[in-house]
PDB file of N, CA and C in Angstrom:
ATOM      1  N   UNK A   1      10.373 -26.013  42.547  1.00  0.00           N
ATOM      2  CA  UNK A   1      11.293 -25.342  41.515  1.00  0.00           C
ATOM      3  C   UNK A   1      10.533 -23.874  41.738  1.00  0.00           C
ATOM      4  N   UNK A   2      11.391 -22.889  41.979  1.00  0.00           N
ATOM      5  CA  UNK A   2      10.935 -21.426  41.788  1.00  0.00           C
ATOM      6  C   UNK A   2      11.078 -20.772  40.649  1.00  0.00           C
ATOM      7  N   UNK A   3       9.994 -19.891  40.300  1.00  0.00           N
ATOM      8  CA  UNK A   3      10.237 -19.054  38.945  1.00  0.00           C
ATOM      9  C   UNK A   3      11.739 -18.891  38.672  1.00  0.00           C
ATOM     10  N   UNK A   4      12.548 -18.363  39.993  1.00  0.00           N
ATOM     11  CA  UNK A   4      13.920 -17.813  39.654  1.00  0.00           C
ATOM     12  C   UNK A   4      14.884 -18.839  39.434  1.00  0.00           C
ATOM     13  N   UNK A   5      14.627 -20.029  40.096  1.00  0.00           N
ATOM     14  CA  UNK A   5      15.496 -21.585  39.733  1.00  0.00           C
ATOM     15  C   UNK A   5      15.254 -21.462  37.965  1.00  0.00           C
ATOM     16  N   UNK A   6      13.840 -21.703  37.787  1.00  0.00           N
ATOM     17  CA  UNK A   6      13.763 -21.837  36.411  1.00  0.00           C
ATOM     18  C   UNK A   6      13.853 -21.032  35.485  1.00  0.00           C
ATOM     19  N   UNK A   7      14.125 -19.751  35.718  1.00  0.00           N
ATOM     20  CA  UNK A   7      14.571 -18.969  34.777  1.00  0.00           C
ATOM     21  C   UNK A   7      16.480 -18.863  34.721  1.00  0.00           C
ATOM     22  N   UNK A   8      16.869 -19.008  36.145  1.00  0.00           N
ATOM     23  CA  UNK A   8      18.237 -19.392  35.686  1.00  0.00           C
ATOM     24  C   UNK A   8      18.690 -20.522  34.554  1.00  0.00           C
ATOM     25  N   UNK A   9      17.826 -21.440  35.056  1.00  0.00           N
ATOM     26  CA  UNK A   9      18.050 -22.928  34.326  1.00  0.00           C
ATOM     27  C   UNK A   9      18.050 -22.656  32.885  1.00  0.00           C
ATOM     28  N   UNK A  10      17.098 -21.959  32.101  1.00  0.00           N
ATOM     29  CA  UNK A  10      16.969 -21.835  30.863  1.00  0.00           C
ATOM     30  C   UNK A  10      18.098 -21.350  30.230  1.00  0.00           C
ATOM     31  N   UNK A  11      18.340 -21.953  28.869  1.00  0.00           N
ATOM     32  CA  UNK A  11      19.207 -21.936  27.950  1.00  0.00           C
ATOM     33  C   UNK A  11      19.261 -20.172  27.389  1.00  0.00           C
ATOM     34  N   UNK A  12      20.342 -19.894  27.074  1.00  0.00           N
ATOM     35  CA  UNK A  12      19.745 -18.568  25.959  1.00  0.00           C
ATOM     36  C   UNK A  12      19.603 -18.670  24.618  1.00  0.00           C
ATOM     37  N   UNK A  13      18.765 -18.083  24.349  1.00  0.00           N
ATOM     38  CA  UNK A  13      17.887 -18.028  23.099  1.00  0.00           C
ATOM     39  C   UNK A  13      19.567 -17.575  21.657  1.00  0.00           C
ATOM     40  N   UNK A  14      19.791 -18.354  21.066  1.00  0.00           N
ATOM     41  CA  UNK A  14      21.059 -18.254  20.616  1.00  0.00           C
ATOM     42  C   UNK A  14      20.649 -18.091  18.803  1.00  0.00           C
ATOM     43  N   UNK A  15      21.250 -17.184  17.882  1.00  0.00           N
ATOM     44  CA  UNK A  15      20.878 -17.428  16.470  1.00  0.00           C
ATOM     45  C   UNK A  15      22.689 -17.710  16.125  1.00  0.00           C
ATOM     46  N   UNK A  16      22.395 -17.955  14.958  1.00  0.00           N
ATOM     47  CA  UNK A  16      23.483 -18.220  14.000  1.00  0.00           C
ATOM     48  C   UNK A  16      24.223 -17.077  13.894  1.00  0.00           C
ATOM     49  N   UNK A  17      25.527 -16.272  13.418  1.00  0.00           N
ATOM     50  CA  UNK A  17      25.974 -15.527  13.381  1.00  0.00           C
ATOM     51  C   UNK A  17      25.537 -14.430  12.071  1.00  0.00           C
ATOM     52  N   UNK A  18      25.280 -15.811  11.046  1.00  0.00           N
ATOM     53  CA  UNK A  18      24.827 -14.949   9.445  1.00  0.00           C
ATOM     54  C   UNK A  18      23.112 -14.750   9.994  1.00  0.00           C
ATOM     55  N   UNK A  19      22.419 -15.178  10.510  1.00  0.00           N
ATOM     56  CA  UNK A  19      21.312 -14.822  10.933  1.00  0.00           C
ATOM     57  C   UNK A  19      21.320 -13.375  11.688  1.00  0.00           C
ATOM     58  N   UNK A  20      22.149 -13.028  12.742  1.00  0.00           N
ATOM     59  CA  UNK A  20      22.023 -12.127  13.411  1.00  0.00           C
ATOM     60  C   UNK A  20      22.312 -10.866  12.646  1.00  0.00           C
ATOM     61  N   UNK A  21      23.516 -11.257  11.769  1.00  0.00           N
ATOM     62  CA  UNK A  21      23.679 -10.225  10.635  1.00  0.00           C
ATOM     63  C   UNK A  21      22.779  -9.706   9.798  1.00  0.00           C
ATOM     64  N   UNK A  22      21.775 -10.621   9.443  1.00  0.00           N
ATOM     65  CA  UNK A  22      20.804 -10.327   8.777  1.00  0.00           C
ATOM     66  C   UNK A  22      19.676  -9.491   9.353  1.00  0.00           C
ATOM     67  N   UNK A  23      19.382  -9.881  10.594  1.00  0.00           N
ATOM     68  CA  UNK A  23      18.596  -9.232  11.417  1.00  0.00           C
ATOM     69  C   UNK A  23      18.809  -7.436  11.576  1.00  0.00           C
ATOM     70  N   UNK A  24      20.461  -7.471  12.184  1.00  0.00           N
ATOM     71  CA  UNK A  24      20.460  -6.301  12.295  1.00  0.00           C
ATOM     72  C   UNK A  24      20.430  -5.452  10.748  1.00  0.00           C
ATOM     73  N   UNK A  25      20.844  -5.825   9.812  1.00  0.00           N
ATOM     74  CA  UNK A  25      21.107  -5.182   8.420  1.00  0.00           C
ATOM     75  C   UNK A  25      19.416  -4.655   8.666  1.00  0.00           C
ATOM     76  N   UNK A  26      18.501  -5.708   8.532  1.00  0.00           N
ATOM     77  CA  UNK A  26      17.162  -5.484   8.092  1.00  0.00           C
ATOM     78  C   UNK A  26      16.367  -4.658   9.258  1.00  0.00           C
ATOM     79  N   UNK A  27      16.979  -4.481  10.259  1.00  0.00           N
ATOM     80  CA  UNK A  27      16.620  -3.368  11.222  1.00  0.00           C
ATOM     81  C   UNK A  27      17.134  -1.815  11.085  1.00  0.00           C
ATOM     82  N   UNK A  28      18.113  -2.031  10.721  1.00  0.00           N
ATOM     83  CA  UNK A  28      18.797  -0.471   9.949  1.00  0.00           C
ATOM     84  C   UNK A  28      18.747  -0.295   8.720  1.00  0.00           C
ATOM     85  N   UNK A  29      17.685  -1.111   7.988  1.00  0.00           N
ATOM     86  CA  UNK A  29      17.337  -0.553   6.654  1.00  0.00           C
ATOM     87  C   UNK A  29      16.581   0.555   6.447  1.00  0.00           C
ATOM     88  N   UNK A  30      16.455   1.304   5.557  1.00  0.00           N
ATOM     89  CA  UNK A  30      15.711   2.444   5.260  1.00  0.00           C
ATOM     90  C   UNK A  30      14.540   2.490   4.678  1.00  0.00           C
ATOM     91  N   UNK A  31      13.316   2.307   4.988  1.00  0.00           N
ATOM     92  CA  UNK A  31      12.237   1.863   4.846  1.00  0.00           C
ATOM     93  C   UNK A  31      10.920   2.878   4.558  1.00  0.00           C
ATOM     94  N   UNK A  32      11.780   4.507   4.411  1.00  0.00           N
ATOM     95  CA  UNK A  32      10.824   5.443   4.248  1.00  0.00           C
ATOM     96  C   UNK A  32      10.189   5.393   3.044  1.00  0.00           C
ATOM     97  N   UNK A  33      10.680   4.626   2.023  1.00  0.00           N
ATOM     98  CA  UNK A  33       9.555   4.571   1.041  1.00  0.00           C
ATOM     99  C   UNK A  33       8.441   3.424   1.088  1.00  0.00           C
ATOM    100  N   UNK A  34       8.531   2.417   1.649  1.00  0.00           N
ATOM    101  CA  UNK A  34       7.467   1.566   2.393  1.00  0.00           C
ATOM    102  C   UNK A  34       6.632   2.085   3.281  1.00  0.00           C
ATOM    103  N   UNK A  35       7.049   3.056   4.076  1.00  0.00           N
ATOM    104  CA  UNK A  35       6.076   3.729   4.839  1.00  0.00           C
ATOM    105  C   UNK A  35       5.487   4.703   4.130  1.00  0.00           C
ATOM    106  N   UNK A  36       5.694   5.291   3.429  1.00  0.00           N
ATOM    107  CA  UNK A  36       5.273   6.321   2.350  1.00  0.00           C
ATOM    108  C   UNK A  36       4.099   5.904   1.503  1.00  0.00           C
ATOM    109  N   UNK A  37       4.337   4.421   1.055  1.00  0.00           N
ATOM    110  CA  UNK A  37       3.220   3.915   0.122  1.00  0.00           C
ATOM    111  C   UNK A  37       2.221   3.434   1.356  1.00  0.00           C
ATOM    112  N   UNK A  38       2.525   2.617   2.251  1.00  0.00           N
ATOM    113  CA  UNK A  38       1.390   2.376   3.346  1.00  0.00           C
ATOM    114  C   UNK A  38       0.895   3.649   3.687  1.00  0.00           C
ATOM    115  N   UNK A  39       0.898   4.652   3.753  1.00  0.00           N
ATOM    116  CA  UNK A  39       0.444   5.906   4.036  1.00  0.00           C
ATOM    117  C   UNK A  39      -0.617   6.091   3.143  1.00  0.00           C
ATOM    118  N   UNK A  40       0.029   6.177   1.775  1.00  0.00           N
ATOM    119  CA  UNK A  40      -0.805   6.219   0.801  1.00  0.00           C
ATOM    120  C   UNK A  40      -2.182   5.369   0.810  1.00  0.00           C
ATOM    121  N   UNK A  41      -1.430   3.874   1.132  1.00  0.00           N
ATOM    122  CA  UNK A  41      -2.895   3.264   1.074  1.00  0.00           C
ATOM    123  C   UNK A  41      -3.259   3.170   2.062  1.00  0.00           C
ATOM    124  N   UNK A  42      -3.507   4.016   3.233  1.00  0.00           N
ATOM    125  CA  UNK A  42      -3.981   3.646   4.233  1.00  0.00           C
ATOM    126  C   UNK A  42      -5.407   4.499   4.454  1.00  0.00           C
ATOM    127  N   UNK A  43      -5.594   5.436   3.217  1.00  0.00           N
ATOM    128  CA  UNK A  43      -6.900   6.138   3.568  1.00  0.00           C
ATOM    129  C   UNK A  43      -7.874   4.917   2.584  1.00  0.00           C
ATOM    130  N   UNK A  44      -9.214   4.801   2.824  1.00  0.00           N
ATOM    131  CA  UNK A  44     -10.389   4.125   2.551  1.00  0.00           C
ATOM    132  C   UNK A  44     -10.618   4.787   0.981  1.00  0.00           C
ATOM    133  N   UNK A  45     -10.164   6.050   0.747  1.00  0.00           N
ATOM    134  CA  UNK A  45     -10.829   6.719  -0.690  1.00  0.00           C
ATOM    135  C   UNK A  45      -9.595   6.177  -1.582  1.00  0.00           C
ATOM    136  N   UNK A  46      -8.753   6.157  -1.402  1.00  0.00           N
ATOM    137  CA  UNK A  46      -7.851   5.648  -1.931  1.00  0.00           C
ATOM    138  C   UNK A  46      -7.791   4.398  -2.569  1.00  0.00           C
ATOM    139  N   UNK A  47      -8.114   3.054  -1.707  1.00  0.00           N
ATOM    140  CA  UNK A  47      -8.446   2.229  -1.720  1.00  0.00           C
ATOM    141  C   UNK A  47      -9.266   1.985  -2.971  1.00  0.00           C
ATOM    142  N   UNK A  48     -10.758   2.751  -2.534  1.00  0.00           N
ATOM    143  CA  UNK A  48     -11.885   2.597  -3.489  1.00  0.00           C
ATOM    144  C   UNK A  48     -11.428   2.752  -4.822  1.00  0.00           C
ATOM    145  N   UNK A  49     -10.471   3.916  -4.844  1.00  0.00           N
ATOM    146  CA  UNK A  49     -10.093   4.756  -6.124  1.00  0.00           C
ATOM    147  C   UNK A  49      -9.363   3.511  -7.001  1.00  0.00           C
ATOM    148  N   UNK A  50      -8.521   2.910  -6.360  1.00  0.00           N
ATOM    149  CA  UNK A  50      -7.932   1.712  -7.163  1.00  0.00           C
ATOM    150  C   UNK A  50      -8.495   0.293  -7.452  1.00  0.00           C
ATOM    151  N   UNK A  51      -9.795   0.547  -6.597  1.00  0.00           N
ATOM    152  CA  UNK A  51     -10.782  -0.721  -7.161  1.00  0.00           C
ATOM    153  C   UNK A  51     -11.699  -0.452  -8.209  1.00  0.00           C
ATOM    154  N   UNK A  52     -11.624   1.268  -8.304  1.00  0.00           N
ATOM    155  CA  UNK A  52     -12.774   1.486  -9.536  1.00  0.00           C
ATOM    156  C   UNK A  52     -11.977   1.407 -10.921  1.00  0.00           C
ATOM    157  N   UNK A  53     -10.704   1.883 -10.558  1.00  0.00           N
ATOM    158  CA  UNK A  53      -9.701   2.077 -11.915  1.00  0.00           C
ATOM    159  C   UNK A  53      -9.089   0.669 -12.426  1.00  0.00           C
ATOM    160  N   UNK A  54      -9.235  -0.558 -11.262  1.00  0.00           N
ATOM    161  CA  UNK A  54      -9.348  -1.866 -11.774  1.00  0.00           C
ATOM    162  C   UNK A  54     -10.072  -2.457 -12.567  1.00  0.00           C
ATOM    163  N   UNK A  55     -11.221  -1.918 -12.627  1.00  0.00           N
ATOM    164  CA  UNK A  55     -12.885  -2.052 -13.504  1.00  0.00           C
ATOM    165  C   UNK A  55     -12.722  -1.306 -14.956  1.00  0.00           C
ATOM    166  N   UNK A  56     -12.156   0.018 -15.015  1.00  0.00           N
ATOM    167  CA  UNK A  56     -11.977   0.765 -16.008  1.00  0.00           C
ATOM    168  C   UNK A  56     -10.950   1.868 -15.626  1.00  0.00           C
ATOM    169  N   UNK A  57     -10.390   2.405 -17.094  1.00  0.00           N
ATOM    170  CA  UNK A  57      -9.756   3.587 -16.535  1.00  0.00           C
ATOM    171  C   UNK A  57     -10.965   4.587 -16.492  1.00  0.00           C
ATOM    172  N   UNK A  58     -10.883   5.821 -15.652  1.00  0.00           N
ATOM    173  CA  UNK A  58     -11.397   6.531 -15.764  1.00  0.00           C
ATOM    174  C   UNK A  58     -11.303   8.240 -15.423  1.00  0.00           C
ATOM    175  N   UNK A  59     -12.172   9.061 -15.835  1.00  0.00           N
ATOM    176  CA  UNK A  59     -12.237  10.470 -15.439  1.00  0.00           C
ATOM    177  C   UNK A  59     -12.518  10.982 -13.944  1.00  0.00           C
ATOM    178  N   UNK A  60     -11.939  11.681 -13.859  1.00  0.00           N
ATOM    179  CA  UNK A  60     -12.362  12.032 -12.241  1.00  0.00           C
ATOM    180  C   UNK A  60     -13.991  12.688 -12.409  1.00  0.00           C
ATOM    181  N   UNK A  61     -14.301  13.084 -13.633  1.00  0.00           N
ATOM    182  CA  UNK A  61     -15.961  13.511 -13.310  1.00  0.00           C
ATOM    183  C   UNK A  61     -16.432  12.280 -13.224  1.00  0.00           C
ATOM    184  N   UNK A  62     -15.858  10.918 -13.636  1.00  0.00           N
ATOM    185  CA  UNK A  62     -16.995   9.672 -13.077  1.00  0.00           C
ATOM    186  C   UNK A  62     -17.005   9.460 -11.933  1.00  0.00           C
ATOM    187  N   UNK A  63     -15.605   9.570 -11.172  1.00  0.00           N
ATOM    188  CA  UNK A  63     -15.829   9.439  -9.671  1.00  0.00           C
ATOM    189  C   UNK A  63     -16.178  10.238  -8.843  1.00  0.00           C
ATOM    190  N   UNK A  64     -16.563  11.665  -9.254  1.00  0.00           N
ATOM    191  CA  UNK A  64     -17.163  12.617  -8.883  1.00  0.00           C
ATOM    192  C   UNK A  64     -18.541  12.013  -8.645  1.00  0.00           C
ATOM    193  N   UNK A  65     -19.378  11.549  -9.722  1.00  0.00           N
ATOM    194  CA  UNK A  65     -20.578  11.239 -10.007  1.00  0.00           C
ATOM    195  C   UNK A  65     -21.081  10.057  -9.383  1.00  0.00           C
ATOM    196  N   UNK A  66     -20.040   9.103  -8.772  1.00  0.00           N
ATOM    197  CA  UNK A  66     -20.136   7.873  -7.960  1.00  0.00           C
ATOM    198  C   UNK A  66     -20.040   7.755  -6.771  1.00  0.00           C
ATOM    199  N   UNK A  67     -19.557   9.082  -6.006  1.00  0.00           N
ATOM    200  CA  UNK A  67     -19.517   9.391  -4.977  1.00  0.00           C
ATOM    201  C   UNK A  67     -19.723  10.478  -4.686  1.00  0.00           C
ATOM    202  N   UNK A  68     -19.543  11.037  -3.045  1.00  0.00           N
ATOM    203  CA  UNK A  68     -20.311  12.239  -2.365  1.00  0.00           C
ATOM    204  C   UNK A  68     -18.877  13.250  -2.203  1.00  0.00           C
ATOM    205  N   UNK A  69     -17.589  12.790  -2.935  1.00  0.00           N
ATOM    206  CA  UNK A  69     -16.650  13.521  -2.786  1.00  0.00           C
ATOM    207  C   UNK A  69     -16.448  14.676  -4.035  1.00  0.00           C
ATOM    208  N   UNK A  70     -16.135  15.749  -3.376  1.00  0.00           N
ATOM    209  CA  UNK A  70     -15.707  16.958  -4.453  1.00  0.00           C
ATOM    210  C   UNK A  70     -14.610  16.438  -5.316  1.00  0.00           C
ATOM    211  N   UNK A  71     -14.777  17.260  -6.793  1.00  0.00           N
ATOM    212  CA  UNK A  71     -13.493  17.014  -7.962  1.00  0.00           C
ATOM    213  C   UNK A  71     -12.117  17.250  -6.954  1.00  0.00           C
ATOM    214  N   UNK A  72     -12.052  18.646  -6.219  1.00  0.00           N
ATOM    215  CA  UNK A  72     -10.826  18.471  -5.599  1.00  0.00           C
ATOM    216  C   UNK A  72     -10.501  17.481  -4.810  1.00  0.00           C
ATOM    217  N   UNK A  73     -11.175  17.148  -4.258  1.00  0.00           N
ATOM    218  CA  UNK A  73     -10.777  15.921  -3.205  1.00  0.00           C
ATOM    219  C   UNK A  73     -10.381  14.643  -3.805  1.00  0.00           C
ATOM    220  N   UNK A  74     -11.353  14.261  -4.755  1.00  0.00           N
ATOM    221  CA  UNK A  74     -10.423  13.386  -5.713  1.00  0.00           C
ATOM    222  C   UNK A  74      -9.459  13.419  -6.271  1.00  0.00           C
ATOM    223  N   UNK A  75      -9.324  14.816  -6.522  1.00  0.00           N
ATOM    224  CA  UNK A  75      -7.843  15.133  -7.386  1.00  0.00           C
ATOM    225  C   UNK A  75      -6.385  14.990  -6.340  1.00  0.00           C
ATOM    226  N   UNK A  76      -6.741  15.502  -5.357  1.00  0.00           N
ATOM    227  CA  UNK A  76      -5.829  15.277  -4.091  1.00  0.00           C
ATOM    228  C   UNK A  76      -5.633  13.779  -4.068  1.00  0.00           C
ATOM    229  N   UNK A  77      -6.521  13.019  -4.133  1.00  0.00           N
ATOM    230  CA  UNK A  77      -6.360  11.593  -3.700  1.00  0.00           C
ATOM    231  C   UNK A  77      -5.380  10.959  -4.935  1.00  0.00           C
ATOM    232  N   UNK A  78      -6.054  11.301  -6.229  1.00  0.00           N
ATOM    233  CA  UNK A  78      -5.105  11.065  -7.547  1.00  0.00           C
ATOM    234  C   UNK A  78      -3.799  11.163  -7.359  1.00  0.00           C
ATOM    235  N   UNK A  79      -3.685  11.942  -6.997  1.00  0.00           N
ATOM    236  CA  UNK A  79      -2.263  13.154  -6.901  1.00  0.00           C
ATOM    237  C   UNK A  79      -1.551  11.973  -6.023  1.00  0.00           C
ATOM    238  N   UNK A  80      -1.773  11.754  -4.980  1.00  0.00           N
ATOM    239  CA  UNK A  80      -1.017  10.701  -3.893  1.00  0.00           C
ATOM    240  C   UNK A  80      -1.013   9.227  -4.439  1.00  0.00           C
ATOM    241  N   UNK A  81      -1.898   9.006  -5.389  1.00  0.00           N
ATOM    242  CA  UNK A  81      -1.795   7.788  -6.023  1.00  0.00           C
ATOM    243  C   UNK A  81      -0.838   7.189  -7.006  1.00  0.00           C
ATOM    244  N   UNK A  82      -0.989   8.720  -7.687  1.00  0.00           N
ATOM    245  CA  UNK A  82       0.125   9.028  -8.649  1.00  0.00           C
ATOM    246  C   UNK A  82       1.720   9.445  -8.305  1.00  0.00           C
ATOM    247  N   UNK A  83       1.977   9.912  -7.669  1.00  0.00           N
ATOM    248  CA  UNK A  83       2.922  10.644  -6.971  1.00  0.00           C
ATOM    249  C   UNK A  83       3.838   9.010  -6.504  1.00  0.00           C
ATOM    250  N   UNK A  84       2.955   8.080  -5.715  1.00  0.00           N
ATOM    251  CA  UNK A  84       3.290   6.684  -5.703  1.00  0.00           C
ATOM    252  C   UNK A  84       3.427   5.785  -6.480  1.00  0.00           C
ATOM    253  N   UNK A  85       3.108   6.051  -7.690  1.00  0.00           N
ATOM    254  CA  UNK A  85       3.544   5.507  -8.915  1.00  0.00           C
ATOM    255  C   UNK A  85       2.450   4.036  -8.998  1.00  0.00           C
ATOM    256  N   UNK A  86       1.394   4.287  -8.614  1.00  0.00           N
ATOM    257  CA  UNK A  86      -0.205   3.535  -8.595  1.00  0.00           C
ATOM    258  C   UNK A  86      -0.579   3.799  -9.758  1.00  0.00           C
ATOM    259  N   UNK A  87      -0.922   4.687  -9.902  1.00  0.00           N
ATOM    260  CA  UNK A  87      -1.716   5.551 -11.087  1.00  0.00           C
ATOM    261  C   UNK A  87      -1.157   6.381 -11.599  1.00  0.00           C
ATOM    262  N   UNK A  88      -1.491   6.350 -12.867  1.00  0.00           N
ATOM    263  CA  UNK A  88      -1.187   7.239 -14.092  1.00  0.00           C
ATOM    264  C   UNK A  88      -2.047   7.665 -14.625  1.00  0.00           C
ATOM    265  N   UNK A  89      -1.853   8.773 -15.687  1.00  0.00           N
ATOM    266  CA  UNK A  89      -3.028   9.303 -16.450  1.00  0.00           C
ATOM    267  C   UNK A  89      -2.421   9.562 -18.074  1.00  0.00           C
ATOM    268  N   UNK A  90      -3.462  10.062 -18.588  1.00  0.00           N
ATOM    269  CA  UNK A  90      -3.188  10.502 -19.689  1.00  0.00           C
ATOM    270  C   UNK A  90      -4.359  11.177 -20.175  1.00  0.00           C
ATOM    271  N   UNK A  91      -4.232  12.370 -21.247  1.00  0.00           N
ATOM    272  CA  UNK A  91      -5.154  13.528 -21.890  1.00  0.00           C
ATOM    273  C   UNK A  91      -5.872  12.469 -23.056  1.00  0.00           C
ATOM    274  N   UNK A  92      -7.303  12.871 -23.085  1.00  0.00           N
ATOM    275  CA  UNK A  92      -7.930  12.413 -24.249  1.00  0.00           C
ATOM    276  C   UNK A  92      -9.225  13.724 -24.402  1.00  0.00           C
ATOM    277  N   UNK A  93      -8.692  14.238 -25.341  1.00  0.00           N
ATOM    278  CA  UNK A  93      -9.675  15.277 -25.256  1.00  0.00           C
ATOM    279  C   UNK A  93      -9.676  16.358 -24.324  1.00  0.00           C
ATOM    280  N   UNK A  94     -10.613  16.560 -23.915  1.00  0.00           N
ATOM    281  CA  UNK A  94     -10.796  17.469 -22.511  1.00  0.00           C
ATOM    282  C   UNK A  94     -10.241  16.916 -21.499  1.00  0.00           C
ATOM    283  N   UNK A  95     -10.243  15.631 -21.108  1.00  0.00           N
ATOM    284  CA  UNK A  95     -10.304  14.753 -20.140  1.00  0.00           C
ATOM    285  C   UNK A  95      -8.961  13.935 -19.643  1.00  0.00           C
ATOM    286  N   UNK A  96      -8.542  14.022 -18.334  1.00  0.00           N
ATOM    287  CA  UNK A  96      -7.586  13.550 -17.777  1.00  0.00           C
ATOM    288  C   UNK A  96      -8.089  12.283 -17.487  1.00  0.00           C
ATOM    289  N   UNK A  97      -7.959  11.097 -18.338  1.00  0.00           N
ATOM    290  CA  UNK A  97      -8.243   9.562 -17.602  1.00  0.00           C
ATOM    291  C   UNK A  97      -6.683   9.275 -16.809  1.00  0.00           C
ATOM    292  N   UNK A  98      -7.526   8.116 -15.657  1.00  0.00           N
ATOM    293  CA  UNK A  98      -6.660   7.823 -14.964  1.00  0.00           C
ATOM    294  C   UNK A  98      -6.881   6.509 -15.260  1.00  0.00           C
ATOM    295  N   UNK A  99      -5.409   5.683 -14.600  1.00  0.00           N
ATOM    296  CA  UNK A  99      -5.484   4.049 -14.717  1.00  0.00           C
ATOM    297  C   UNK A  99      -4.611   3.571 -13.888  1.00  0.00           C
ATOM    298  N   UNK A 100      -4.889   2.224 -13.637  1.00  0.00           N
ATOM    299  CA  UNK A 100      -3.825   1.606 -12.541  1.00  0.00           C
ATOM    300  C   UNK A 100      -2.648   1.365 -13.880  1.00  0.00           C
ATOM    301  N   UNK A 101      -1.305   1.331 -12.692  1.00  0.00           N
ATOM    302  CA  UNK A 101       0.110   1.064 -13.507  1.00  0.00           C
ATOM    303  C   UNK A 101      -0.211  -0.228 -12.999  1.00  0.00           C
ATOM    304  N   UNK A 102       1.122  -0.799 -13.714  1.00  0.00           N
ATOM    305  CA  UNK A 102       1.518  -2.378 -13.293  1.00  0.00           C
ATOM    306  C   UNK A 102       1.714  -2.459 -11.631  1.00  0.00           C
ATOM    307  N   UNK A 103       2.397  -1.592 -11.278  1.00  0.00           N
ATOM    308  CA  UNK A 103       2.487  -1.812  -9.749  1.00  0.00           C
ATOM    309  C   UNK A 103       1.078  -1.473  -8.757  1.00  0.00           C
ATOM    310  N   UNK A 104       0.515  -0.451  -9.284  1.00  0.00           N
ATOM    311  CA  UNK A 104      -1.127  -0.267  -9.078  1.00  0.00           C
ATOM    312  C   UNK A 104      -1.896  -1.773  -8.948  1.00  0.00           C
ATOM    313  N   UNK A 105      -1.903  -2.481 -10.187  1.00  0.00           N
ATOM    314  CA  UNK A 105      -2.378  -3.485 -10.161  1.00  0.00           C
ATOM    315  C   UNK A 105      -1.750  -4.744  -9.208  1.00  0.00           C
ATOM    316  N   UNK A 106      -0.681  -4.844  -8.867  1.00  0.00           N
ATOM    317  CA  UNK A 106      -0.063  -5.759  -8.261  1.00  0.00           C
ATOM    318  C   UNK A 106      -0.306  -5.378  -6.750  1.00  0.00           C
ATOM    319  N   UNK A 107      -0.282  -4.370  -6.538  1.00  0.00           N
ATOM    320  CA  UNK A 107      -0.440  -3.637  -5.370  1.00  0.00           C
ATOM    321  C   UNK A 107      -1.803  -4.391  -4.765  1.00  0.00           C
ATOM    322  N   UNK A 108      -3.038  -3.856  -5.637  1.00  0.00           N
ATOM    323  CA  UNK A 108      -4.466  -4.198  -5.332  1.00  0.00           C
ATOM    324  C   UNK A 108      -4.603  -5.592  -5.504  1.00  0.00           C
ATOM    325  N   UNK A 109      -4.076  -6.294  -6.161  1.00  0.00           N
ATOM    326  CA  UNK A 109      -3.628  -7.762  -6.095  1.00  0.00           C
ATOM    327  C   UNK A 109      -3.779  -8.245  -4.767  1.00  0.00           C
ATOM    328  N   UNK A 110      -2.165  -7.705  -4.333  1.00  0.00           N
ATOM    329  CA  UNK A 110      -1.851  -8.274  -3.052  1.00  0.00           C
ATOM    330  C   UNK A 110      -2.594  -7.800  -1.857  1.00  0.00           C
ATOM    331  N   UNK A 111      -3.037  -6.754  -1.626  1.00  0.00           N
ATOM    332  CA  UNK A 111      -3.872  -6.192  -0.935  1.00  0.00           C
ATOM    333  C   UNK A 111      -5.416  -7.379  -0.760  1.00  0.00           C
ATOM    334  N   UNK A 112      -5.689  -7.179  -1.939  1.00  0.00           N
ATOM    335  CA  UNK A 112      -7.135  -8.374  -1.894  1.00  0.00           C
ATOM    336  C   UNK A 112      -6.843  -9.833  -1.707  1.00  0.00           C
ATOM    337  N   UNK A 113      -6.105 -10.446  -2.306  1.00  0.00           N
ATOM    338  CA  UNK A 113      -5.542 -11.853  -2.008  1.00  0.00           C
ATOM    339  C   UNK A 113      -4.840 -11.769  -0.290  1.00  0.00           C
ATOM    340  N   UNK A 114      -4.451 -10.794   0.110  1.00  0.00           N
ATOM    341  CA  UNK A 114      -4.193 -11.095   1.722  1.00  0.00           C
ATOM    342  C   UNK A 114      -5.394 -11.308   2.240  1.00  0.00           C
ATOM    343  N   UNK A 115      -6.741 -10.740   1.941  1.00  0.00           N
ATOM    344  CA  UNK A 115      -7.881 -10.711   2.670  1.00  0.00           C
ATOM    345  C   UNK A 115      -8.588 -11.665   2.128  1.00  0.00           C
ATOM    346  N   UNK A 116      -8.380 -12.716   0.809  1.00  0.00           N
ATOM    347  CA  UNK A 116      -8.895 -13.966   0.294  1.00  0.00           C
ATOM    348  C   UNK A 116     -10.317 -12.967  -0.332  1.00  0.00           C
ATOM    349  N   UNK A 117     -10.301 -12.095  -1.008  1.00  0.00           N
ATOM    350  CA  UNK A 117     -11.267 -11.420  -1.620  1.00  0.00           C
ATOM    351  C   UNK A 117     -10.758 -11.459  -3.135  1.00  0.00           C
ATOM    352  N   UNK A 118     -11.734 -11.768  -4.037  1.00  0.00           N
ATOM    353  CA  UNK A 118     -11.780 -11.568  -5.509  1.00  0.00           C
ATOM    354  C   UNK A 118     -12.009 -10.394  -5.890  1.00  0.00           C
ATOM    355  N   UNK A 119     -10.918 -10.004  -6.761  1.00  0.00           N
ATOM    356  CA  UNK A 119     -11.315  -8.619  -7.643  1.00  0.00           C
ATOM    357  C   UNK A 119     -12.018  -9.013  -9.239  1.00  0.00           C
TER     358      UNK A 119
END
């Protein structure tokens, strides 16, 4: 039997109508927010910031001391994390203290568990 004969005799792949409708719906769904979130999470510096904030609430000054990054660079990354609602901050005297939000905690746990690492 030739390859063409085999291809002709194969039955078509058929999905139930309900499944086909769900697939069409999923493919048309607006995923801009999800794409934006993945863009925020695509930078190793931001993942490291999330991991550090999982340990403790921190001001930018501590992150500057523990890395080779400048204050302005870390502030930029923190702003992106804050805009994505993974991080928030509060004022404590002269310091802006950053901490993980509940979605930030969940996201970090999901990332870590998907790679089977404990935090």
